[in-house]
Amino acid sequence: MTKTISFNELRQLKDSLPDGSMHQIADRLNITVQTVRNYFGGANYDSGKNLGVHIEPGPNGGIVVLDDTTIYDMALEILGQAEKE
């Protein structure tokens, strides 16, 4: 399932996550932490991969099309759990 959001919204989600969330997502998906960081707008492809995140220039940092929302959904889940606590 694809999702389209602004780059600023994606970064805001990343910045709202509790410490250790990147590692938690990476461990659950058996991918590198840098790959998770790249998903949220990082650009270190020497030690991480691109997982279908397409960024187009525009307002609010540009438009981001997420081909796979698995990491996005996990981040929302972690954020929801943190807010309950």
PDB file of N, CA and C in Angstrom:
ATOM      1  N   MET A   1       0.843  -1.166   0.000  1.00  0.00           N
ATOM      2  CA  MET A   1       0.000   0.000   0.000  1.00  0.00           C
ATOM      3  C   MET A   1       0.903   1.249   0.000  1.00  0.00           C
ATOM      4  N   THR A   2       0.621   2.199  -0.823  1.00  0.00           N
ATOM      5  CA  THR A   2       1.416   3.420  -0.873  1.00  0.00           C
ATOM      6  C   THR A   2       0.743   4.514  -0.039  1.00  0.00           C
ATOM      7  N   LYS A   3       1.574   5.463   0.373  1.00  0.00           N
ATOM      8  CA  LYS A   3       1.079   6.607   1.135  1.00  0.00           C
ATOM      9  C   LYS A   3       1.852   7.825   0.669  1.00  0.00           C
ATOM     10  N   THR A   4       1.165   8.951   0.539  1.00  0.00           N
ATOM     11  CA  THR A   4       1.792  10.208   0.157  1.00  0.00           C
ATOM     12  C   THR A   4       1.631  11.198   1.303  1.00  0.00           C
ATOM     13  N   ILE A   5       2.777  11.741   1.770  1.00  0.00           N
ATOM     14  CA  ILE A   5       2.783  12.733   2.838  1.00  0.00           C
ATOM     15  C   ILE A   5       3.854  13.768   2.517  1.00  0.00           C
ATOM     16  N   SER A   6       3.910  14.814   3.311  1.00  0.00           N
ATOM     17  CA  SER A   6       4.979  15.800   3.111  1.00  0.00           C
ATOM     18  C   SER A   6       6.248  15.300   3.802  1.00  0.00           C
ATOM     19  N   PHE A   7       7.384  15.768   3.323  1.00  0.00           N
ATOM     20  CA  PHE A   7       8.657  15.407   3.935  1.00  0.00           C
ATOM     21  C   PHE A   7       8.693  15.874   5.391  1.00  0.00           C
ATOM     22  N   ASN A   8       8.156  17.053   5.645  1.00  0.00           N
ATOM     23  CA  ASN A   8       8.138  17.576   7.010  1.00  0.00           C
ATOM     24  C   ASN A   8       7.316  16.689   7.945  1.00  0.00           C
ATOM     25  N   GLU A   9       6.207  16.132   7.452  1.00  0.00           N
ATOM     26  CA  GLU A   9       5.405  15.213   8.267  1.00  0.00           C
ATOM     27  C   GLU A   9       6.192  13.941   8.593  1.00  0.00           C
ATOM     28  N   LEU A  10       6.927  13.438   7.618  1.00  0.00           N
ATOM     29  CA  LEU A  10       7.736  12.242   7.822  1.00  0.00           C
ATOM     30  C   LEU A  10       8.819  12.503   8.860  1.00  0.00           C
ATOM     31  N   ARG A  11       9.493  13.647   8.753  1.00  0.00           N
ATOM     32  CA  ARG A  11      10.539  13.998   9.721  1.00  0.00           C
ATOM     33  C   ARG A  11       9.955  14.248  11.104  1.00  0.00           C
ATOM     34  N   GLN A  12       8.774  14.842  11.171  1.00  0.00           N
ATOM     35  CA  GLN A  12       8.133  15.089  12.458  1.00  0.00           C
ATOM     36  C   GLN A  12       7.818  13.759  13.153  1.00  0.00           C
ATOM     37  N   LEU A  13       7.353  12.778  12.387  1.00  0.00           N
ATOM     38  CA  LEU A  13       7.098  11.453  12.949  1.00  0.00           C
ATOM     39  C   LEU A  13       8.391  10.874  13.502  1.00  0.00           C
ATOM     40  N   LYS A  14       9.452  10.922  12.717  1.00  0.00           N
ATOM     41  CA  LYS A  14      10.752  10.405  13.153  1.00  0.00           C
ATOM     42  C   LYS A  14      11.211  11.100  14.424  1.00  0.00           C
ATOM     43  N   ASP A  15      11.117  12.414  14.456  1.00  0.00           N
ATOM     44  CA  ASP A  15      11.586  13.185  15.604  1.00  0.00           C
ATOM     45  C   ASP A  15      10.726  12.967  16.850  1.00  0.00           C
ATOM     46  N   SER A  16       9.501  12.502  16.684  1.00  0.00           N
ATOM     47  CA  SER A  16       8.597  12.260  17.809  1.00  0.00           C
ATOM     48  C   SER A  16       8.805  10.894  18.456  1.00  0.00           C
ATOM     49  N   LEU A  17       9.517  10.012  17.767  1.00  0.00           N
ATOM     50  CA  LEU A  17       9.704   8.658  18.283  1.00  0.00           C
ATOM     51  C   LEU A  17      10.608   8.649  19.511  1.00  0.00           C
ATOM     52  N   PRO A  18      10.315   7.772  20.462  1.00  0.00           N
ATOM     53  CA  PRO A  18      11.172   7.654  21.641  1.00  0.00           C
ATOM     54  C   PRO A  18      12.554   7.108  21.257  1.00  0.00           C
ATOM     55  N   ASP A  19      13.532   7.369  22.118  1.00  0.00           N
ATOM     56  CA  ASP A  19      14.876   6.858  21.895  1.00  0.00           C
ATOM     57  C   ASP A  19      14.840   5.336  21.739  1.00  0.00           C
ATOM     58  N   GLY A  20      15.636   4.838  20.815  1.00  0.00           N
ATOM     59  CA  GLY A  20      15.730   3.404  20.592  1.00  0.00           C
ATOM     60  C   GLY A  20      14.739   2.862  19.578  1.00  0.00           C
ATOM     61  N   SER A  21      13.838   3.706  19.092  1.00  0.00           N
ATOM     62  CA  SER A  21      12.809   3.239  18.160  1.00  0.00           C
ATOM     63  C   SER A  21      13.393   2.759  16.831  1.00  0.00           C
ATOM     64  N   MET A  22      14.420   3.446  16.334  1.00  0.00           N
ATOM     65  CA  MET A  22      15.039   3.042  15.066  1.00  0.00           C
ATOM     66  C   MET A  22      15.606   1.626  15.191  1.00  0.00           C
ATOM     67  N   HIS A  23      16.260   1.361  16.320  1.00  0.00           N
ATOM     68  CA  HIS A  23      16.824   0.027  16.554  1.00  0.00           C
ATOM     69  C   HIS A  23      15.713  -1.013  16.693  1.00  0.00           C
ATOM     70  N   GLN A  24      14.652  -0.650  17.376  1.00  0.00           N
ATOM     71  CA  GLN A  24      13.526  -1.565  17.562  1.00  0.00           C
ATOM     72  C   GLN A  24      12.911  -1.944  16.214  1.00  0.00           C
ATOM     73  N   ILE A  25      12.683  -0.969  15.354  1.00  0.00           N
ATOM     74  CA  ILE A  25      12.112  -1.236  14.032  1.00  0.00           C
ATOM     75  C   ILE A  25      13.072  -2.093  13.215  1.00  0.00           C
ATOM     76  N   ALA A  26      14.357  -1.734  13.227  1.00  0.00           N
ATOM     77  CA  ALA A  26      15.355  -2.494  12.464  1.00  0.00           C
ATOM     78  C   ALA A  26      15.409  -3.943  12.932  1.00  0.00           C
ATOM     79  N   ASP A  27      15.398  -4.161  14.240  1.00  0.00           N
ATOM     80  CA  ASP A  27      15.451  -5.522  14.775  1.00  0.00           C
ATOM     81  C   ASP A  27      14.219  -6.325  14.380  1.00  0.00           C
ATOM     82  N   ARG A  28      13.049  -5.708  14.458  1.00  0.00           N
ATOM     83  CA  ARG A  28      11.806  -6.419  14.122  1.00  0.00           C
ATOM     84  C   ARG A  28      11.742  -6.797  12.641  1.00  0.00           C
ATOM     85  N   LEU A  29      12.349  -5.965  11.790  1.00  0.00           N
ATOM     86  CA  LEU A  29      12.299  -6.224  10.341  1.00  0.00           C
ATOM     87  C   LEU A  29      13.569  -6.873   9.805  1.00  0.00           C
ATOM     88  N   ASN A  30      14.542  -7.089  10.696  1.00  0.00           N
ATOM     89  CA  ASN A  30      15.813  -7.696  10.301  1.00  0.00           C
ATOM     90  C   ASN A  30      16.501  -6.902   9.187  1.00  0.00           C
ATOM     91  N   ILE A  31      16.568  -5.589   9.390  1.00  0.00           N
ATOM     92  CA  ILE A  31      17.258  -4.692   8.470  1.00  0.00           C
ATOM     93  C   ILE A  31      18.208  -3.822   9.293  1.00  0.00           C
ATOM     94  N   THR A  32      19.070  -3.059   8.625  1.00  0.00           N
ATOM     95  CA  THR A  32      20.003  -2.215   9.356  1.00  0.00           C
ATOM     96  C   THR A  32      19.305  -0.962   9.876  1.00  0.00           C
ATOM     97  N   VAL A  33      19.863  -0.416  10.945  1.00  0.00           N
ATOM     98  CA  VAL A  33      19.341   0.830  11.506  1.00  0.00           C
ATOM     99  C   VAL A  33      19.467   1.946  10.473  1.00  0.00           C
ATOM    100  N   GLN A  34      20.554   1.945   9.701  1.00  0.00           N
ATOM    101  CA  GLN A  34      20.739   2.986   8.694  1.00  0.00           C
ATOM    102  C   GLN A  34      19.660   2.911   7.615  1.00  0.00           C
ATOM    103  N   THR A  35      19.190   1.728   7.297  1.00  0.00           N
ATOM    104  CA  THR A  35      18.099   1.591   6.331  1.00  0.00           C
ATOM    105  C   THR A  35      16.832   2.252   6.880  1.00  0.00           C
ATOM    106  N   VAL A  36      16.573   2.094   8.172  1.00  0.00           N
ATOM    107  CA  VAL A  36      15.417   2.750   8.801  1.00  0.00           C
ATOM    108  C   VAL A  36      15.605   4.263   8.758  1.00  0.00           C
ATOM    109  N   ARG A  37      16.810   4.727   9.064  1.00  0.00           N
ATOM    110  CA  ARG A  37      17.083   6.169   9.011  1.00  0.00           C
ATOM    111  C   ARG A  37      16.898   6.710   7.591  1.00  0.00           C
ATOM    112  N   ASN A  38      17.345   5.950   6.599  1.00  0.00           N
ATOM    113  CA  ASN A  38      17.169   6.365   5.204  1.00  0.00           C
ATOM    114  C   ASN A  38      15.688   6.478   4.854  1.00  0.00           C
ATOM    115  N   TYR A  39      14.875   5.602   5.402  1.00  0.00           N
ATOM    116  CA  TYR A  39      13.428   5.645   5.169  1.00  0.00           C
ATOM    117  C   TYR A  39      12.847   6.976   5.630  1.00  0.00           C
ATOM    118  N   PHE A  40      13.414   7.503   6.728  1.00  0.00           N
ATOM    119  CA  PHE A  40      12.929   8.761   7.286  1.00  0.00           C
ATOM    120  C   PHE A  40      13.676   9.972   6.743  1.00  0.00           C
ATOM    121  N   GLY A  41      14.338   9.820   5.620  1.00  0.00           N
ATOM    122  CA  GLY A  41      14.965  10.961   4.967  1.00  0.00           C
ATOM    123  C   GLY A  41      16.469  10.993   5.006  1.00  0.00           C
ATOM    124  N   GLY A  42      17.090  10.006   5.616  1.00  0.00           N
ATOM    125  CA  GLY A  42      18.549   9.931   5.609  1.00  0.00           C
ATOM    126  C   GLY A  42      19.054   9.620   4.210  1.00  0.00           C
ATOM    127  N   ALA A  43      20.354   9.737   4.029  1.00  0.00           N
ATOM    128  CA  ALA A  43      20.902   9.491   2.680  1.00  0.00           C
ATOM    129  C   ALA A  43      22.251   8.794   2.746  1.00  0.00           C
ATOM    130  N   ASN A  44      22.422   7.855   3.679  1.00  0.00           N
ATOM    131  CA  ASN A  44      23.658   7.089   3.760  1.00  0.00           C
ATOM    132  C   ASN A  44      23.398   5.718   3.146  1.00  0.00           C
ATOM    133  N   TYR A  45      23.682   5.600   1.865  1.00  0.00           N
ATOM    134  CA  TYR A  45      23.398   4.354   1.162  1.00  0.00           C
ATOM    135  C   TYR A  45      24.603   3.428   1.128  1.00  0.00           C
ATOM    136  N   ASP A  46      25.727   3.828   1.766  1.00  0.00           N
ATOM    137  CA  ASP A  46      26.873   2.935   1.874  1.00  0.00           C
ATOM    138  C   ASP A  46      26.586   1.832   2.892  1.00  0.00           C
ATOM    139  N   SER A  47      25.874   2.180   3.974  1.00  0.00           N
ATOM    140  CA  SER A  47      25.591   1.186   5.009  1.00  0.00           C
ATOM    141  C   SER A  47      24.091   0.945   5.202  1.00  0.00           C
ATOM    142  N   GLY A  48      23.281   1.495   4.340  1.00  0.00           N
ATOM    143  CA  GLY A  48      21.832   1.291   4.404  1.00  0.00           C
ATOM    144  C   GLY A  48      21.242   1.307   3.015  1.00  0.00           C
ATOM    145  N   LYS A  49      19.998   0.876   2.904  1.00  0.00           N
ATOM    146  CA  LYS A  49      19.336   0.792   1.599  1.00  0.00           C
ATOM    147  C   LYS A  49      18.172   1.769   1.523  1.00  0.00           C
ATOM    148  N   ASN A  50      17.673   1.946   0.316  1.00  0.00           N
ATOM    149  CA  ASN A  50      16.460   2.723   0.073  1.00  0.00           C
ATOM    150  C   ASN A  50      15.319   1.722  -0.014  1.00  0.00           C
ATOM    151  N   LEU A  51      14.276   1.932   0.773  1.00  0.00           N
ATOM    152  CA  LEU A  51      13.148   1.008   0.782  1.00  0.00           C
ATOM    153  C   LEU A  51      11.913   1.605   0.123  1.00  0.00           C
ATOM    154  N   GLY A  52      12.062   2.162  -1.049  1.00  0.00           N
ATOM    155  CA  GLY A  52      10.914   2.655  -1.781  1.00  0.00           C
ATOM    156  C   GLY A  52      10.364   3.958  -1.271  1.00  0.00           C
ATOM    157  N   VAL A  53      11.252   4.875  -0.939  1.00  0.00           N
ATOM    158  CA  VAL A  53      10.855   6.216  -0.523  1.00  0.00           C
ATOM    159  C   VAL A  53      11.234   7.160  -1.656  1.00  0.00           C
ATOM    160  N   HIS A  54      10.253   7.856  -2.193  1.00  0.00           N
ATOM    161  CA  HIS A  54      10.487   8.765  -3.310  1.00  0.00           C
ATOM    162  C   HIS A  54      10.140  10.184  -2.862  1.00  0.00           C
ATOM    163  N   ILE A  55      11.116  11.085  -2.983  1.00  0.00           N
ATOM    164  CA  ILE A  55      10.931  12.460  -2.525  1.00  0.00           C
ATOM    165  C   ILE A  55      10.952  13.397  -3.727  1.00  0.00           C
ATOM    166  N   GLU A  56       9.929  14.220  -3.832  1.00  0.00           N
ATOM    167  CA  GLU A  56       9.824  15.221  -4.886  1.00  0.00           C
ATOM    168  C   GLU A  56       9.866  16.605  -4.250  1.00  0.00           C
ATOM    169  N   PRO A  57      10.620  17.542  -4.812  1.00  0.00           N
ATOM    170  CA  PRO A  57      10.673  18.901  -4.249  1.00  0.00           C
ATOM    171  C   PRO A  57       9.299  19.562  -4.221  1.00  0.00           C
ATOM    172  N   GLY A  58       9.096  20.414  -3.235  1.00  0.00           N
ATOM    173  CA  GLY A  58       7.836  21.139  -3.124  1.00  0.00           C
ATOM    174  C   GLY A  58       7.690  21.759  -1.757  1.00  0.00           C
ATOM    175  N   PRO A  59       6.505  22.284  -1.473  1.00  0.00           N
ATOM    176  CA  PRO A  59       6.269  22.916  -0.171  1.00  0.00           C
ATOM    177  C   PRO A  59       6.351  21.897   0.969  1.00  0.00           C
ATOM    178  N   ASN A  60       6.619  22.388   2.170  1.00  0.00           N
ATOM    179  CA  ASN A  60       6.735  21.532   3.364  1.00  0.00           C
ATOM    180  C   ASN A  60       7.825  20.475   3.219  1.00  0.00           C
ATOM    181  N   GLY A  61       8.906  20.846   2.545  1.00  0.00           N
ATOM    182  CA  GLY A  61      10.021  19.920   2.381  1.00  0.00           C
ATOM    183  C   GLY A  61       9.872  19.010   1.184  1.00  0.00           C
ATOM    184  N   GLY A  62       8.757  19.072   0.529  1.00  0.00           N
ATOM    185  CA  GLY A  62       8.506  18.231  -0.642  1.00  0.00           C
ATOM    186  C   GLY A  62       7.478  17.156  -0.340  1.00  0.00           C
ATOM    187  N   ILE A  63       7.179  16.406  -1.366  1.00  0.00           N
ATOM    188  CA  ILE A  63       6.205  15.323  -1.276  1.00  0.00           C
ATOM    189  C   ILE A  63       6.968  14.009  -1.194  1.00  0.00           C
ATOM    190  N   VAL A  64       6.531  13.139  -0.299  1.00  0.00           N
ATOM    191  CA  VAL A  64       7.147  11.824  -0.133  1.00  0.00           C
ATOM    192  C   VAL A  64       6.108  10.763  -0.467  1.00  0.00           C
ATOM    193  N   VAL A  65       6.480   9.859  -1.353  1.00  0.00           N
ATOM    194  CA  VAL A  65       5.631   8.719  -1.669  1.00  0.00           C
ATOM    195  C   VAL A  65       6.308   7.491  -1.076  1.00  0.00           C
ATOM    196  N   LEU A  66       5.611   6.828  -0.178  1.00  0.00           N
ATOM    197  CA  LEU A  66       6.113   5.614   0.459  1.00  0.00           C
ATOM    198  C   LEU A  66       5.502   4.418  -0.258  1.00  0.00           C
ATOM    199  N   ASP A  67       6.338   3.631  -0.935  1.00  0.00           N
ATOM    200  CA  ASP A  67       5.839   2.443  -1.642  1.00  0.00           C
ATOM    201  C   ASP A  67       5.361   1.373  -0.672  1.00  0.00           C
ATOM    202  N   ASP A  68       6.019   1.282   0.463  1.00  0.00           N
ATOM    203  CA  ASP A  68       5.691   0.285   1.486  1.00  0.00           C
ATOM    204  C   ASP A  68       5.586   1.027   2.816  1.00  0.00           C
ATOM    205  N   THR A  69       4.471   0.920   3.484  1.00  0.00           N
ATOM    206  CA  THR A  69       4.250   1.675   4.718  1.00  0.00           C
ATOM    207  C   THR A  69       4.568   0.872   5.980  1.00  0.00           C
ATOM    208  N   THR A  70       5.247  -0.252   5.859  1.00  0.00           N
ATOM    209  CA  THR A  70       5.518  -1.091   7.022  1.00  0.00           C
ATOM    210  C   THR A  70       6.272  -0.321   8.108  1.00  0.00           C
ATOM    211  N   ILE A  71       7.365   0.358   7.753  1.00  0.00           N
ATOM    212  CA  ILE A  71       8.143   1.114   8.740  1.00  0.00           C
ATOM    213  C   ILE A  71       7.312   2.276   9.278  1.00  0.00           C
ATOM    214  N   TYR A  72       6.608   2.964   8.411  1.00  0.00           N
ATOM    215  CA  TYR A  72       5.739   4.075   8.812  1.00  0.00           C
ATOM    216  C   TYR A  72       4.699   3.594   9.822  1.00  0.00           C
ATOM    217  N   ASP A  73       4.053   2.475   9.523  1.00  0.00           N
ATOM    218  CA  ASP A  73       3.027   1.933  10.412  1.00  0.00           C
ATOM    219  C   ASP A  73       3.614   1.503  11.751  1.00  0.00           C
ATOM    220  N   MET A  74       4.800   0.905  11.725  1.00  0.00           N
ATOM    221  CA  MET A  74       5.458   0.508  12.972  1.00  0.00           C
ATOM    222  C   MET A  74       5.798   1.735  13.810  1.00  0.00           C
ATOM    223  N   ALA A  75       6.248   2.803  13.156  1.00  0.00           N
ATOM    224  CA  ALA A  75       6.569   4.035  13.869  1.00  0.00           C
ATOM    225  C   ALA A  75       5.317   4.609  14.527  1.00  0.00           C
ATOM    226  N   LEU A  76       4.200   4.601  13.828  1.00  0.00           N
ATOM    227  CA  LEU A  76       2.944   5.079  14.414  1.00  0.00           C
ATOM    228  C   LEU A  76       2.532   4.227  15.605  1.00  0.00           C
ATOM    229  N   GLU A  77       2.734   2.927  15.491  1.00  0.00           N
ATOM    230  CA  GLU A  77       2.407   1.994  16.578  1.00  0.00           C
ATOM    231  C   GLU A  77       3.271   2.296  17.815  1.00  0.00           C
ATOM    232  N   ILE A  78       4.570   2.486  17.608  1.00  0.00           N
ATOM    233  CA  ILE A  78       5.476   2.796  18.711  1.00  0.00           C
ATOM    234  C   ILE A  78       5.094   4.124  19.346  1.00  0.00           C
ATOM    235  N   LEU A  79       4.786   5.109  18.520  1.00  0.00           N
ATOM    236  CA  LEU A  79       4.392   6.417  19.030  1.00  0.00           C
ATOM    237  C   LEU A  79       3.091   6.325  19.834  1.00  0.00           C
ATOM    238  N   GLY A  80       2.145   5.560  19.350  1.00  0.00           N
ATOM    239  CA  GLY A  80       0.889   5.366  20.067  1.00  0.00           C
ATOM    240  C   GLY A  80       1.085   4.702  21.423  1.00  0.00           C
ATOM    241  N   GLN A  81       1.986   3.718  21.457  1.00  0.00           N
ATOM    242  CA  GLN A  81       2.281   3.043  22.733  1.00  0.00           C
ATOM    243  C   GLN A  81       2.944   4.004  23.705  1.00  0.00           C
ATOM    244  N   ALA A  82       3.860   4.825  23.193  1.00  0.00           N
ATOM    245  CA  ALA A  82       4.571   5.781  24.049  1.00  0.00           C
ATOM    246  C   ALA A  82       3.613   6.817  24.633  1.00  0.00           C
ATOM    247  N   GLU A  83       2.621   7.211  23.846  1.00  0.00           N
ATOM    248  CA  GLU A  83       1.666   8.213  24.324  1.00  0.00           C
ATOM    249  C   GLU A  83       0.743   7.654  25.390  1.00  0.00           C
ATOM    250  N   LYS A  84       0.485   6.338  25.355  1.00  0.00           N
ATOM    251  CA  LYS A  84      -0.364   5.697  26.358  1.00  0.00           C
ATOM    252  C   LYS A  84       0.325   5.617  27.698  1.00  0.00           C
ATOM    253  N   GLU A  85       1.660   5.538  27.673  1.00  0.00           N
ATOM    254  CA  GLU A  85       2.431   5.369  28.919  1.00  0.00           C
ATOM    255  C   GLU A  85       2.613   6.640  29.677  1.00  0.00           C
TER     256      GLU A  85
END
